[in-house]
Amino acid sequence: MLRFCTAFVLALCLPVAGVAGPEGPVRVIDGDTLDVGDTRVRLHGIDAPERDQTCQRHATGETWACGDWVTREARARYEGRIADCDTIDTDRYGRVVARCEVGGVDIGRSLVSDGLAFAYRRYSMDYDLEEKGAAVNDRGLHASRVMTPSDYRAARAVVPQPSRADCPIKGNISSKGTRIYHMPGQEHYDRTRISTSKGERWFCSEGEARAAGWRRARR
């Protein structure tokens, strides 16, 4: 029995095995989401701040756009480079969940170790030690007061959304995770439905939609 239990515990500690996944040039969407070639990839085991998320610096109390900063840092590191990924799963938005490497270095591990993302312990303990090391040394986000991305998304989801009459622009999230807004009169406006539980929302102006990370529908 002891031998069985030891093997079971070891199995829990080992990284999740994947299968050969997408490979190709990287286009960074945000801190934990990439396009690898033609495939939208959600990085396994990490969670980065949302692009419109803000943090507060410990030293000065200053509020700053930490979500946008993470996205820019990830782009500086990986945009246009060749990634090799192992597929772990597919998420509810149809994105491939994968562990990816660039130049033989695990992207998720590097981002968590440098304080640009958090270990997503709900799904994996792979990067637990990397996050603890970053926190102890105040690296990246850990030098600020920051809400975990999952808590931020949950808090944002319960904020009352403006009505269609007041703010008629529809902010839709596609099956690939692309944020697209539809203006009244555009081809797909009438049939687009907004689900606030998925993070979709109404906007009062195009400027507001673009600032939140949405792009205009092409038709």
N, C-alpha and C. Protein backbone atom coordinates (compact mmCIF):
# COMPACT_ATOMS: atom_id res chain seq x y z
N MET A 1 0.83 -1.21 0.00
CA MET A 1 0.00 0.00 0.00
C MET A 1 0.86 1.26 0.00
N LEU A 2 1.94 1.26 0.80
CA LEU A 2 2.82 2.40 0.86
C LEU A 2 3.44 2.67 -0.50
N ARG A 3 3.85 1.59 -1.18
CA ARG A 3 4.45 1.75 -2.50
C ARG A 3 3.46 2.38 -3.47
N PHE A 4 2.18 1.97 -3.41
CA PHE A 4 1.14 2.53 -4.28
C PHE A 4 0.93 4.00 -3.99
N CYS A 5 0.87 4.36 -2.70
CA CYS A 5 0.63 5.76 -2.34
C CYS A 5 1.77 6.65 -2.78
N THR A 6 3.01 6.16 -2.64
CA THR A 6 4.16 6.95 -3.06
C THR A 6 4.11 7.22 -4.56
N ALA A 7 3.77 6.19 -5.31
CA ALA A 7 3.66 6.36 -6.76
C ALA A 7 2.57 7.34 -7.11
N PHE A 8 1.45 7.30 -6.37
CA PHE A 8 0.34 8.20 -6.64
C PHE A 8 0.74 9.65 -6.38
N VAL A 9 1.44 9.90 -5.26
CA VAL A 9 1.88 11.25 -4.92
C VAL A 9 2.86 11.76 -5.96
N LEU A 10 3.78 10.92 -6.40
CA LEU A 10 4.72 11.33 -7.43
C LEU A 10 4.02 11.70 -8.72
N ALA A 11 2.98 10.93 -9.05
CA ALA A 11 2.23 11.22 -10.27
C ALA A 11 1.58 12.58 -10.22
N LEU A 12 1.10 12.96 -9.02
CA LEU A 12 0.48 14.28 -8.88
C LEU A 12 1.49 15.41 -9.06
N CYS A 13 2.74 15.15 -8.71
CA CYS A 13 3.75 16.20 -8.77
C CYS A 13 4.36 16.37 -10.15
N LEU A 14 4.21 15.35 -11.01
CA LEU A 14 4.80 15.44 -12.34
C LEU A 14 4.01 16.37 -13.23
N PRO A 15 4.66 17.06 -14.18
CA PRO A 15 3.94 17.93 -15.12
C PRO A 15 2.95 17.13 -15.95
N VAL A 16 1.87 17.80 -16.36
CA VAL A 16 0.87 17.15 -17.20
C VAL A 16 1.48 16.87 -18.57
N ALA A 17 1.35 15.63 -19.04
CA ALA A 17 1.89 15.28 -20.34
C ALA A 17 1.01 15.84 -21.44
N GLY A 18 1.63 16.28 -22.54
CA GLY A 18 0.86 16.80 -23.66
C GLY A 18 1.16 16.02 -24.92
N VAL A 19 0.52 16.41 -25.99
CA VAL A 19 0.77 15.82 -27.30
C VAL A 19 1.26 16.94 -28.21
N ALA A 20 1.91 16.55 -29.30
CA ALA A 20 2.45 17.55 -30.22
C ALA A 20 1.36 18.53 -30.63
N GLY A 21 1.66 19.81 -30.50
CA GLY A 21 0.68 20.84 -30.78
C GLY A 21 1.18 21.81 -31.84
N PRO A 22 0.62 23.02 -31.85
CA PRO A 22 0.99 24.00 -32.89
C PRO A 22 2.44 24.43 -32.79
N GLU A 23 2.99 24.78 -33.92
CA GLU A 23 4.35 25.30 -34.00
C GLU A 23 4.36 26.40 -35.05
N GLY A 24 5.02 27.51 -34.75
CA GLY A 24 5.07 28.59 -35.72
C GLY A 24 5.37 29.92 -35.08
N PRO A 25 5.31 31.00 -35.85
CA PRO A 25 5.60 32.34 -35.32
C PRO A 25 4.54 32.79 -34.33
N VAL A 26 4.97 33.53 -33.34
CA VAL A 26 4.10 33.98 -32.25
C VAL A 26 3.54 35.36 -32.54
N ARG A 27 2.25 35.52 -32.27
CA ARG A 27 1.63 36.84 -32.17
C ARG A 27 1.01 36.92 -30.79
N VAL A 28 1.46 37.85 -29.97
CA VAL A 28 1.01 37.94 -28.58
C VAL A 28 -0.33 38.67 -28.51
N ILE A 29 -1.32 38.03 -27.90
CA ILE A 29 -2.64 38.64 -27.68
C ILE A 29 -2.66 39.35 -26.33
N ASP A 30 -2.23 38.65 -25.30
CA ASP A 30 -2.05 39.24 -23.98
C ASP A 30 -1.05 38.37 -23.22
N GLY A 31 -0.96 38.54 -21.91
CA GLY A 31 0.09 37.87 -21.15
C GLY A 31 0.00 36.37 -21.10
N ASP A 32 -1.16 35.79 -21.35
CA ASP A 32 -1.26 34.33 -21.32
C ASP A 32 -1.91 33.73 -22.56
N THR A 33 -2.09 34.53 -23.59
CA THR A 33 -2.75 34.06 -24.82
C THR A 33 -1.92 34.47 -26.03
N LEU A 34 -1.68 33.51 -26.91
CA LEU A 34 -0.87 33.73 -28.10
C LEU A 34 -1.56 33.16 -29.32
N ASP A 35 -1.23 33.70 -30.48
CA ASP A 35 -1.47 33.00 -31.72
C ASP A 35 -0.15 32.36 -32.12
N VAL A 36 -0.15 31.05 -32.26
CA VAL A 36 1.03 30.32 -32.72
C VAL A 36 0.71 29.83 -34.13
N GLY A 37 1.30 30.46 -35.13
CA GLY A 37 0.84 30.21 -36.49
C GLY A 37 -0.60 30.66 -36.61
N ASP A 38 -1.47 29.75 -37.04
CA ASP A 38 -2.89 30.06 -37.19
C ASP A 38 -3.73 29.61 -36.00
N THR A 39 -3.10 29.18 -34.92
CA THR A 39 -3.81 28.60 -33.78
C THR A 39 -3.80 29.52 -32.58
N ARG A 40 -4.97 29.78 -32.00
CA ARG A 40 -5.07 30.56 -30.77
C ARG A 40 -4.74 29.64 -29.59
N VAL A 41 -3.76 30.04 -28.78
CA VAL A 41 -3.26 29.21 -27.68
C VAL A 41 -3.41 29.93 -26.36
N ARG A 42 -4.00 29.25 -25.39
CA ARG A 42 -4.04 29.71 -24.00
C ARG A 42 -2.95 28.94 -23.26
N LEU A 43 -1.96 29.65 -22.71
CA LEU A 43 -0.83 28.99 -22.07
C LEU A 43 -1.28 28.23 -20.83
N HIS A 44 -0.87 26.98 -20.75
CA HIS A 44 -1.25 26.09 -19.66
C HIS A 44 -0.58 26.51 -18.35
N GLY A 45 -1.37 26.50 -17.27
CA GLY A 45 -0.81 26.63 -15.93
C GLY A 45 -0.47 28.03 -15.47
N ILE A 46 -0.80 29.06 -16.28
CA ILE A 46 -0.52 30.43 -15.84
C ILE A 46 -1.75 31.30 -16.05
N ASP A 47 -1.80 32.42 -15.34
CA ASP A 47 -2.88 33.38 -15.49
C ASP A 47 -2.27 34.77 -15.37
N ALA A 48 -2.42 35.58 -16.42
CA ALA A 48 -1.85 36.93 -16.45
C ALA A 48 -2.95 37.96 -16.28
N PRO A 49 -2.62 39.16 -15.82
CA PRO A 49 -3.64 40.20 -15.68
C PRO A 49 -4.35 40.48 -17.00
N GLU A 50 -5.62 40.83 -16.91
CA GLU A 50 -6.37 41.24 -18.10
C GLU A 50 -5.76 42.53 -18.64
N ARG A 51 -5.92 42.76 -19.94
CA ARG A 51 -5.26 43.91 -20.57
C ARG A 51 -5.70 45.24 -19.98
N ASP A 52 -6.95 45.32 -19.48
CA ASP A 52 -7.42 46.59 -18.91
C ASP A 52 -7.29 46.63 -17.38
N GLN A 53 -6.60 45.64 -16.80
CA GLN A 53 -6.47 45.56 -15.35
C GLN A 53 -5.41 46.55 -14.86
N THR A 54 -5.66 47.13 -13.69
CA THR A 54 -4.70 48.04 -13.08
C THR A 54 -4.21 47.46 -11.75
N CYS A 55 -3.04 47.95 -11.32
CA CYS A 55 -2.44 47.57 -10.05
C CYS A 55 -2.05 48.83 -9.29
N GLN A 56 -1.65 48.65 -8.04
CA GLN A 56 -1.25 49.79 -7.22
C GLN A 56 0.14 49.53 -6.65
N ARG A 57 1.06 50.43 -6.92
CA ARG A 57 2.44 50.25 -6.47
C ARG A 57 2.52 50.34 -4.94
N HIS A 58 3.27 49.41 -4.33
CA HIS A 58 3.43 49.41 -2.88
C HIS A 58 4.12 50.68 -2.40
N ALA A 59 5.16 51.10 -3.11
CA ALA A 59 5.99 52.20 -2.62
C ALA A 59 5.28 53.54 -2.65
N THR A 60 4.52 53.80 -3.71
CA THR A 60 3.94 55.14 -3.90
C THR A 60 2.42 55.18 -3.84
N GLY A 61 1.78 54.02 -3.93
CA GLY A 61 0.32 53.99 -3.99
C GLY A 61 -0.23 54.34 -5.36
N GLU A 62 0.67 54.56 -6.33
CA GLU A 62 0.27 54.94 -7.69
C GLU A 62 -0.47 53.79 -8.38
N THR A 63 -1.56 54.12 -9.05
CA THR A 63 -2.28 53.14 -9.87
C THR A 63 -1.67 53.13 -11.27
N TRP A 64 -1.41 51.94 -11.78
CA TRP A 64 -0.77 51.85 -13.10
C TRP A 64 -1.37 50.70 -13.89
N ALA A 65 -1.22 50.77 -15.20
CA ALA A 65 -1.85 49.80 -16.12
C ALA A 65 -1.00 48.54 -16.23
N CYS A 66 -1.07 47.71 -15.21
CA CYS A 66 -0.21 46.53 -15.17
C CYS A 66 -0.58 45.49 -16.23
N GLY A 67 -1.87 45.38 -16.58
CA GLY A 67 -2.26 44.42 -17.61
C GLY A 67 -1.67 44.76 -18.96
N ASP A 68 -1.73 46.04 -19.32
CA ASP A 68 -1.14 46.48 -20.58
C ASP A 68 0.38 46.31 -20.56
N TRP A 69 1.00 46.58 -19.42
CA TRP A 69 2.45 46.41 -19.28
C TRP A 69 2.86 44.96 -19.52
N VAL A 70 2.13 44.02 -18.93
CA VAL A 70 2.44 42.60 -19.13
C VAL A 70 2.36 42.24 -20.61
N THR A 71 1.31 42.70 -21.28
CA THR A 71 1.16 42.41 -22.71
C THR A 71 2.34 42.95 -23.50
N ARG A 72 2.76 44.17 -23.21
CA ARG A 72 3.88 44.76 -23.94
C ARG A 72 5.19 44.02 -23.66
N GLU A 73 5.39 43.60 -22.42
CA GLU A 73 6.58 42.84 -22.08
C GLU A 73 6.61 41.49 -22.80
N ALA A 74 5.45 40.83 -22.85
CA ALA A 74 5.37 39.54 -23.55
C ALA A 74 5.65 39.72 -25.04
N ARG A 75 5.15 40.81 -25.62
CA ARG A 75 5.41 41.07 -27.04
C ARG A 75 6.89 41.31 -27.29
N ALA A 76 7.52 42.05 -26.41
CA ALA A 76 8.96 42.33 -26.58
C ALA A 76 9.77 41.04 -26.55
N ARG A 77 9.32 40.07 -25.78
CA ARG A 77 10.06 38.82 -25.65
C ARG A 77 9.78 37.83 -26.79
N TYR A 78 8.50 37.75 -27.21
CA TYR A 78 8.11 36.60 -28.02
C TYR A 78 7.52 36.93 -29.39
N GLU A 79 7.10 38.16 -29.63
CA GLU A 79 6.44 38.49 -30.90
C GLU A 79 7.34 38.12 -32.08
N GLY A 80 6.82 37.31 -33.01
CA GLY A 80 7.53 36.94 -34.21
C GLY A 80 8.49 35.78 -34.06
N ARG A 81 8.76 35.34 -32.85
CA ARG A 81 9.66 34.21 -32.64
C ARG A 81 8.91 32.90 -32.87
N ILE A 82 9.63 31.82 -33.06
CA ILE A 82 9.02 30.53 -33.35
C ILE A 82 8.79 29.77 -32.04
N ALA A 83 7.54 29.40 -31.80
CA ALA A 83 7.18 28.63 -30.62
C ALA A 83 6.86 27.19 -31.00
N ASP A 84 7.19 26.28 -30.10
CA ASP A 84 6.89 24.86 -30.25
C ASP A 84 6.03 24.47 -29.06
N CYS A 85 4.82 23.99 -29.29
CA CYS A 85 3.85 23.77 -28.22
C CYS A 85 3.43 22.30 -28.10
N ASP A 86 3.12 21.89 -26.88
CA ASP A 86 2.48 20.61 -26.61
C ASP A 86 1.06 20.88 -26.13
N THR A 87 0.09 20.30 -26.79
CA THR A 87 -1.31 20.52 -26.44
C THR A 87 -1.68 19.73 -25.20
N ILE A 88 -2.35 20.42 -24.26
CA ILE A 88 -2.82 19.79 -23.02
C ILE A 88 -4.33 19.57 -23.06
N ASP A 89 -5.06 20.56 -23.58
CA ASP A 89 -6.52 20.53 -23.51
C ASP A 89 -7.07 21.57 -24.49
N THR A 90 -8.39 21.71 -24.51
CA THR A 90 -9.09 22.77 -25.22
C THR A 90 -10.03 23.45 -24.24
N ASP A 91 -10.03 24.79 -24.18
CA ASP A 91 -10.88 25.46 -23.20
C ASP A 91 -12.27 25.73 -23.76
N ARG A 92 -13.12 26.33 -22.95
CA ARG A 92 -14.52 26.52 -23.32
C ARG A 92 -14.70 27.52 -24.45
N TYR A 93 -13.67 28.30 -24.76
CA TYR A 93 -13.73 29.23 -25.88
C TYR A 93 -13.16 28.64 -27.16
N GLY A 94 -12.79 27.37 -27.11
CA GLY A 94 -12.25 26.71 -28.29
C GLY A 94 -10.77 26.92 -28.50
N ARG A 95 -10.09 27.55 -27.53
CA ARG A 95 -8.65 27.76 -27.65
C ARG A 95 -7.89 26.51 -27.24
N VAL A 96 -6.78 26.27 -27.90
CA VAL A 96 -5.89 25.18 -27.51
C VAL A 96 -5.17 25.60 -26.23
N VAL A 97 -5.21 24.75 -25.21
CA VAL A 97 -4.45 24.98 -23.98
C VAL A 97 -3.15 24.19 -24.11
N ALA A 98 -2.03 24.88 -24.06
CA ALA A 98 -0.76 24.22 -24.37
C ALA A 98 0.39 24.78 -23.55
N ARG A 99 1.40 23.95 -23.42
CA ARG A 99 2.68 24.38 -22.87
C ARG A 99 3.58 24.68 -24.05
N CYS A 100 4.14 25.88 -24.12
CA CYS A 100 4.91 26.31 -25.30
C CYS A 100 6.32 26.72 -24.92
N GLU A 101 7.25 26.46 -25.83
CA GLU A 101 8.64 26.85 -25.64
C GLU A 101 9.10 27.72 -26.81
N VAL A 102 9.98 28.67 -26.50
CA VAL A 102 10.68 29.45 -27.51
C VAL A 102 12.16 29.32 -27.20
N GLY A 103 12.94 28.85 -28.18
CA GLY A 103 14.37 28.65 -27.95
C GLY A 103 14.65 27.65 -26.85
N GLY A 104 13.73 26.67 -26.67
CA GLY A 104 13.92 25.65 -25.65
C GLY A 104 13.55 26.08 -24.24
N VAL A 105 13.02 27.29 -24.09
CA VAL A 105 12.64 27.81 -22.76
C VAL A 105 11.12 27.85 -22.65
N ASP A 106 10.59 27.31 -21.58
CA ASP A 106 9.15 27.26 -21.31
C ASP A 106 8.64 28.70 -21.11
N ILE A 107 7.74 29.15 -21.97
CA ILE A 107 7.22 30.52 -21.89
C ILE A 107 6.51 30.75 -20.56
N GLY A 108 5.63 29.85 -20.19
CA GLY A 108 4.87 30.01 -18.95
C GLY A 108 5.78 30.10 -17.74
N ARG A 109 6.78 29.22 -17.68
CA ARG A 109 7.71 29.23 -16.55
C ARG A 109 8.47 30.56 -16.47
N SER A 110 8.90 31.05 -17.62
CA SER A 110 9.64 32.31 -17.66
C SER A 110 8.78 33.48 -17.21
N LEU A 111 7.53 33.55 -17.68
CA LEU A 111 6.64 34.65 -17.32
C LEU A 111 6.33 34.65 -15.83
N VAL A 112 6.06 33.48 -15.27
CA VAL A 112 5.76 33.40 -13.83
C VAL A 112 7.00 33.72 -13.01
N SER A 113 8.14 33.19 -13.41
CA SER A 113 9.38 33.42 -12.67
C SER A 113 9.75 34.89 -12.62
N ASP A 114 9.45 35.63 -13.69
CA ASP A 114 9.79 37.05 -13.74
C ASP A 114 8.67 37.96 -13.25
N GLY A 115 7.61 37.37 -12.70
CA GLY A 115 6.54 38.17 -12.12
C GLY A 115 5.61 38.82 -13.12
N LEU A 116 5.52 38.24 -14.32
CA LEU A 116 4.61 38.77 -15.34
C LEU A 116 3.29 38.02 -15.38
N ALA A 117 3.20 36.92 -14.68
CA ALA A 117 1.98 36.11 -14.61
C ALA A 117 2.00 35.33 -13.31
N PHE A 118 0.85 34.72 -13.00
CA PHE A 118 0.71 33.93 -11.78
C PHE A 118 0.55 32.46 -12.12
N ALA A 119 0.96 31.60 -11.20
CA ALA A 119 0.67 30.18 -11.35
C ALA A 119 -0.84 30.00 -11.22
N TYR A 120 -1.44 29.31 -12.20
CA TYR A 120 -2.89 29.11 -12.18
C TYR A 120 -3.16 27.78 -11.48
N ARG A 121 -3.12 27.81 -10.15
CA ARG A 121 -3.14 26.58 -9.35
C ARG A 121 -4.45 25.83 -9.45
N ARG A 122 -5.48 26.49 -9.90
CA ARG A 122 -6.76 25.81 -10.10
C ARG A 122 -6.61 24.69 -11.13
N TYR A 123 -5.68 24.87 -12.07
CA TYR A 123 -5.51 23.90 -13.14
C TYR A 123 -4.17 23.18 -13.10
N SER A 124 -3.16 23.75 -12.46
CA SER A 124 -1.84 23.14 -12.47
C SER A 124 -0.98 23.71 -11.36
N MET A 125 -0.11 22.85 -10.79
CA MET A 125 0.87 23.31 -9.81
C MET A 125 2.26 23.40 -10.43
N ASP A 126 2.34 23.34 -11.75
CA ASP A 126 3.64 23.29 -12.43
C ASP A 126 4.54 24.46 -12.07
N TYR A 127 3.95 25.65 -11.87
CA TYR A 127 4.76 26.86 -11.70
C TYR A 127 4.62 27.47 -10.30
N ASP A 128 4.22 26.65 -9.35
CA ASP A 128 4.02 27.10 -7.98
C ASP A 128 5.30 27.69 -7.38
N LEU A 129 6.40 26.97 -7.51
CA LEU A 129 7.66 27.44 -6.92
C LEU A 129 8.17 28.69 -7.61
N GLU A 130 7.95 28.79 -8.93
CA GLU A 130 8.39 29.98 -9.65
C GLU A 130 7.66 31.23 -9.15
N GLU A 131 6.35 31.09 -8.90
CA GLU A 131 5.62 32.24 -8.39
C GLU A 131 6.09 32.62 -6.99
N LYS A 132 6.33 31.64 -6.13
CA LYS A 132 6.78 31.93 -4.78
C LYS A 132 8.13 32.65 -4.80
N GLY A 133 9.01 32.22 -5.70
CA GLY A 133 10.31 32.89 -5.83
C GLY A 133 10.16 34.33 -6.30
N ALA A 134 9.25 34.57 -7.25
CA ALA A 134 9.02 35.93 -7.74
C ALA A 134 8.42 36.81 -6.64
N ALA A 135 7.51 36.24 -5.84
CA ALA A 135 6.87 37.01 -4.78
C ALA A 135 7.87 37.39 -3.69
N VAL A 136 8.71 36.46 -3.29
CA VAL A 136 9.70 36.72 -2.24
C VAL A 136 10.65 37.84 -2.66
N ASN A 137 10.96 37.90 -3.97
CA ASN A 137 11.92 38.88 -4.47
C ASN A 137 11.28 40.11 -5.09
N ASP A 138 9.93 40.26 -4.92
CA ASP A 138 9.22 41.43 -5.44
C ASP A 138 9.47 41.66 -6.92
N ARG A 139 9.49 40.58 -7.70
CA ARG A 139 9.72 40.73 -9.13
C ARG A 139 8.41 41.04 -9.85
N GLY A 140 8.49 41.97 -10.80
CA GLY A 140 7.35 42.26 -11.66
C GLY A 140 6.13 42.70 -10.88
N LEU A 141 5.02 42.00 -11.11
CA LEU A 141 3.74 42.35 -10.49
C LEU A 141 3.78 42.29 -8.97
N HIS A 142 4.69 41.51 -8.41
CA HIS A 142 4.74 41.32 -6.96
C HIS A 142 5.26 42.55 -6.22
N ALA A 143 5.74 43.54 -6.96
CA ALA A 143 6.12 44.80 -6.33
C ALA A 143 4.92 45.74 -6.19
N SER A 144 3.74 45.25 -6.59
CA SER A 144 2.51 46.04 -6.52
C SER A 144 1.42 45.27 -5.79
N ARG A 145 0.39 46.00 -5.42
CA ARG A 145 -0.82 45.38 -4.91
C ARG A 145 -1.67 45.03 -6.12
N VAL A 146 -1.89 43.75 -6.34
CA VAL A 146 -2.58 43.30 -7.55
C VAL A 146 -3.61 42.25 -7.22
N MET A 147 -4.78 42.40 -7.78
CA MET A 147 -5.84 41.39 -7.65
C MET A 147 -5.52 40.24 -8.60
N THR A 148 -5.72 39.02 -8.16
CA THR A 148 -5.48 37.91 -9.07
C THR A 148 -6.40 38.06 -10.27
N PRO A 149 -5.92 37.67 -11.46
CA PRO A 149 -6.76 37.84 -12.66
C PRO A 149 -8.12 37.17 -12.54
N SER A 150 -8.17 36.00 -11.90
CA SER A 150 -9.46 35.31 -11.77
C SER A 150 -10.42 36.10 -10.89
N ASP A 151 -9.91 36.69 -9.80
CA ASP A 151 -10.76 37.53 -8.94
C ASP A 151 -11.20 38.80 -9.67
N TYR A 152 -10.30 39.36 -10.47
CA TYR A 152 -10.63 40.55 -11.25
C TYR A 152 -11.75 40.25 -12.24
N ARG A 153 -11.64 39.13 -12.93
CA ARG A 153 -12.70 38.76 -13.89
C ARG A 153 -14.03 38.54 -13.20
N ALA A 154 -13.99 37.90 -12.02
CA ALA A 154 -15.23 37.65 -11.28
C ALA A 154 -15.86 38.95 -10.81
N ALA A 155 -15.04 39.88 -10.33
CA ALA A 155 -15.56 41.17 -9.87
C ALA A 155 -16.15 41.97 -11.02
N ARG A 156 -15.48 41.93 -12.16
CA ARG A 156 -15.96 42.68 -13.32
C ARG A 156 -17.27 42.11 -13.85
N ALA A 157 -17.43 40.79 -13.71
CA ALA A 157 -18.63 40.14 -14.25
C ALA A 157 -19.90 40.56 -13.52
N VAL A 158 -19.77 40.97 -12.24
CA VAL A 158 -20.97 41.32 -11.48
C VAL A 158 -21.29 42.82 -11.55
N VAL A 159 -20.42 43.60 -12.23
CA VAL A 159 -20.71 45.02 -12.39
C VAL A 159 -21.90 45.18 -13.34
N PRO A 160 -22.94 45.94 -12.94
CA PRO A 160 -24.10 46.11 -13.83
C PRO A 160 -23.68 46.64 -15.19
N GLN A 161 -24.20 46.04 -16.24
CA GLN A 161 -23.88 46.45 -17.59
C GLN A 161 -24.88 47.50 -18.08
N PRO A 162 -24.41 48.46 -18.87
CA PRO A 162 -25.34 49.47 -19.40
C PRO A 162 -26.34 48.83 -20.35
N SER A 163 -27.49 49.42 -20.47
CA SER A 163 -28.53 48.88 -21.34
C SER A 163 -28.21 49.20 -22.78
N ARG A 164 -28.89 48.51 -23.69
CA ARG A 164 -28.70 48.74 -25.11
C ARG A 164 -29.09 50.17 -25.49
N ALA A 165 -30.12 50.68 -24.83
CA ALA A 165 -30.60 52.03 -25.17
C ALA A 165 -29.53 53.08 -24.88
N ASP A 166 -28.82 52.93 -23.77
CA ASP A 166 -27.81 53.90 -23.39
C ASP A 166 -26.49 53.69 -24.13
N CYS A 167 -26.12 52.44 -24.30
CA CYS A 167 -24.82 52.09 -24.88
C CYS A 167 -25.02 50.96 -25.88
N PRO A 168 -25.26 51.28 -27.15
CA PRO A 168 -25.72 50.28 -28.12
C PRO A 168 -24.63 49.45 -28.78
N ILE A 169 -23.36 49.72 -28.52
CA ILE A 169 -22.29 48.97 -29.18
C ILE A 169 -22.10 47.62 -28.50
N LYS A 170 -22.10 46.54 -29.29
CA LYS A 170 -22.02 45.19 -28.73
C LYS A 170 -20.58 44.68 -28.75
N GLY A 171 -20.04 44.42 -27.56
CA GLY A 171 -18.70 43.86 -27.44
C GLY A 171 -18.78 42.35 -27.32
N ASN A 172 -18.47 41.67 -28.40
CA ASN A 172 -18.60 40.21 -28.49
C ASN A 172 -17.21 39.55 -28.40
N ILE A 173 -17.14 38.33 -27.84
CA ILE A 173 -15.90 37.54 -27.82
C ILE A 173 -16.12 36.31 -28.68
N SER A 174 -15.31 36.15 -29.72
CA SER A 174 -15.49 35.04 -30.65
C SER A 174 -15.05 33.73 -30.02
N SER A 175 -15.32 32.61 -30.73
CA SER A 175 -14.93 31.29 -30.24
C SER A 175 -13.42 31.15 -30.11
N LYS A 176 -12.67 31.98 -30.83
CA LYS A 176 -11.21 31.96 -30.75
C LYS A 176 -10.68 32.94 -29.72
N GLY A 177 -11.57 33.61 -29.00
CA GLY A 177 -11.15 34.55 -27.97
C GLY A 177 -10.91 35.97 -28.46
N THR A 178 -11.23 36.25 -29.73
CA THR A 178 -11.02 37.59 -30.28
C THR A 178 -12.13 38.52 -29.83
N ARG A 179 -11.76 39.71 -29.37
CA ARG A 179 -12.73 40.69 -28.88
C ARG A 179 -13.11 41.63 -30.04
N ILE A 180 -14.37 41.59 -30.44
CA ILE A 180 -14.85 42.35 -31.60
C ILE A 180 -16.10 43.14 -31.18
N TYR A 181 -16.16 44.41 -31.57
CA TYR A 181 -17.39 45.16 -31.27
C TYR A 181 -18.15 45.42 -32.57
N HIS A 182 -19.49 45.41 -32.43
CA HIS A 182 -20.39 45.59 -33.57
C HIS A 182 -21.19 46.87 -33.38
N MET A 183 -21.17 47.72 -34.40
CA MET A 183 -21.90 48.97 -34.38
C MET A 183 -23.32 48.75 -34.92
N PRO A 184 -24.31 49.50 -34.43
CA PRO A 184 -25.65 49.43 -35.02
C PRO A 184 -25.58 49.66 -36.53
N GLY A 185 -26.26 48.78 -37.29
CA GLY A 185 -26.25 48.89 -38.73
C GLY A 185 -25.25 47.98 -39.41
N GLN A 186 -24.29 47.43 -38.66
CA GLN A 186 -23.34 46.50 -39.27
C GLN A 186 -24.03 45.15 -39.52
N GLU A 187 -23.42 44.37 -40.41
CA GLU A 187 -24.06 43.16 -40.92
C GLU A 187 -24.48 42.17 -39.83
N HIS A 188 -23.64 41.96 -38.84
CA HIS A 188 -23.93 40.94 -37.84
C HIS A 188 -24.45 41.52 -36.52
N TYR A 189 -24.80 42.80 -36.52
CA TYR A 189 -25.21 43.44 -35.27
C TYR A 189 -26.46 42.79 -34.67
N ASP A 190 -27.51 42.64 -35.46
CA ASP A 190 -28.79 42.17 -34.92
C ASP A 190 -28.72 40.76 -34.36
N ARG A 191 -27.90 39.90 -34.99
CA ARG A 191 -27.85 38.51 -34.52
C ARG A 191 -26.80 38.26 -33.45
N THR A 192 -26.01 39.29 -33.11
CA THR A 192 -25.01 39.14 -32.06
C THR A 192 -25.68 39.24 -30.70
N ARG A 193 -25.43 38.25 -29.85
CA ARG A 193 -25.98 38.23 -28.50
C ARG A 193 -24.84 38.43 -27.50
N ILE A 194 -25.11 39.22 -26.45
CA ILE A 194 -24.09 39.54 -25.46
C ILE A 194 -24.29 38.68 -24.22
N SER A 195 -23.24 37.95 -23.83
CA SER A 195 -23.26 37.12 -22.62
C SER A 195 -22.26 37.69 -21.63
N THR A 196 -22.75 38.39 -20.61
CA THR A 196 -21.85 39.02 -19.65
C THR A 196 -21.07 37.99 -18.86
N SER A 197 -21.58 36.76 -18.72
CA SER A 197 -20.88 35.71 -17.97
C SER A 197 -19.59 35.30 -18.68
N LYS A 198 -19.51 35.55 -20.00
CA LYS A 198 -18.31 35.24 -20.78
C LYS A 198 -17.37 36.43 -20.88
N GLY A 199 -17.74 37.55 -20.26
CA GLY A 199 -16.91 38.74 -20.33
C GLY A 199 -17.33 39.70 -21.44
N GLU A 200 -18.42 39.36 -22.16
CA GLU A 200 -18.91 40.25 -23.21
C GLU A 200 -19.65 41.43 -22.56
N ARG A 201 -19.76 42.54 -23.32
CA ARG A 201 -20.35 43.73 -22.69
C ARG A 201 -20.83 44.71 -23.75
N TRP A 202 -21.58 45.73 -23.28
CA TRP A 202 -22.04 46.84 -24.11
C TRP A 202 -21.08 48.02 -23.94
N PHE A 203 -20.90 48.79 -25.01
CA PHE A 203 -20.07 49.99 -24.95
C PHE A 203 -20.89 51.21 -25.38
N CYS A 204 -20.51 52.35 -24.82
CA CYS A 204 -21.21 53.59 -25.14
C CYS A 204 -20.56 54.34 -26.30
N SER A 205 -19.29 54.04 -26.58
CA SER A 205 -18.59 54.71 -27.67
C SER A 205 -17.52 53.79 -28.23
N GLU A 206 -17.10 54.08 -29.47
CA GLU A 206 -16.03 53.28 -30.08
C GLU A 206 -14.72 53.47 -29.31
N GLY A 207 -14.47 54.67 -28.83
CA GLY A 207 -13.26 54.93 -28.06
C GLY A 207 -13.19 54.06 -26.82
N GLU A 208 -14.33 53.91 -26.14
CA GLU A 208 -14.38 53.07 -24.95
C GLU A 208 -14.10 51.61 -25.31
N ALA A 209 -14.67 51.15 -26.42
CA ALA A 209 -14.47 49.76 -26.86
C ALA A 209 -13.01 49.49 -27.20
N ARG A 210 -12.39 50.40 -27.94
CA ARG A 210 -10.99 50.22 -28.33
C ARG A 210 -10.07 50.27 -27.11
N ALA A 211 -10.36 51.15 -26.18
CA ALA A 211 -9.53 51.26 -24.97
C ALA A 211 -9.59 49.99 -24.14
N ALA A 212 -10.72 49.28 -24.21
CA ALA A 212 -10.89 48.04 -23.46
C ALA A 212 -10.30 46.84 -24.17
N GLY A 213 -9.78 47.03 -25.40
CA GLY A 213 -9.13 45.93 -26.10
C GLY A 213 -9.95 45.28 -27.19
N TRP A 214 -11.11 45.86 -27.53
CA TRP A 214 -11.93 45.32 -28.61
C TRP A 214 -11.56 46.00 -29.94
N ARG A 215 -11.74 45.30 -31.05
CA ARG A 215 -11.58 45.90 -32.35
C ARG A 215 -12.91 45.89 -33.10
N ARG A 216 -13.07 46.80 -34.05
CA ARG A 216 -14.33 46.91 -34.78
C ARG A 216 -14.50 45.73 -35.74
N ALA A 217 -15.74 45.23 -35.84
CA ALA A 217 -16.06 44.19 -36.83
C ALA A 217 -15.82 44.72 -38.23
N ARG A 218 -15.34 43.86 -39.11
CA ARG A 218 -15.02 44.31 -40.47
C ARG A 218 -16.26 44.58 -41.31
N ARG A 219 -17.38 43.93 -40.95
CA ARG A 219 -18.61 44.14 -41.72
C ARG A 219 -19.78 44.40 -40.77
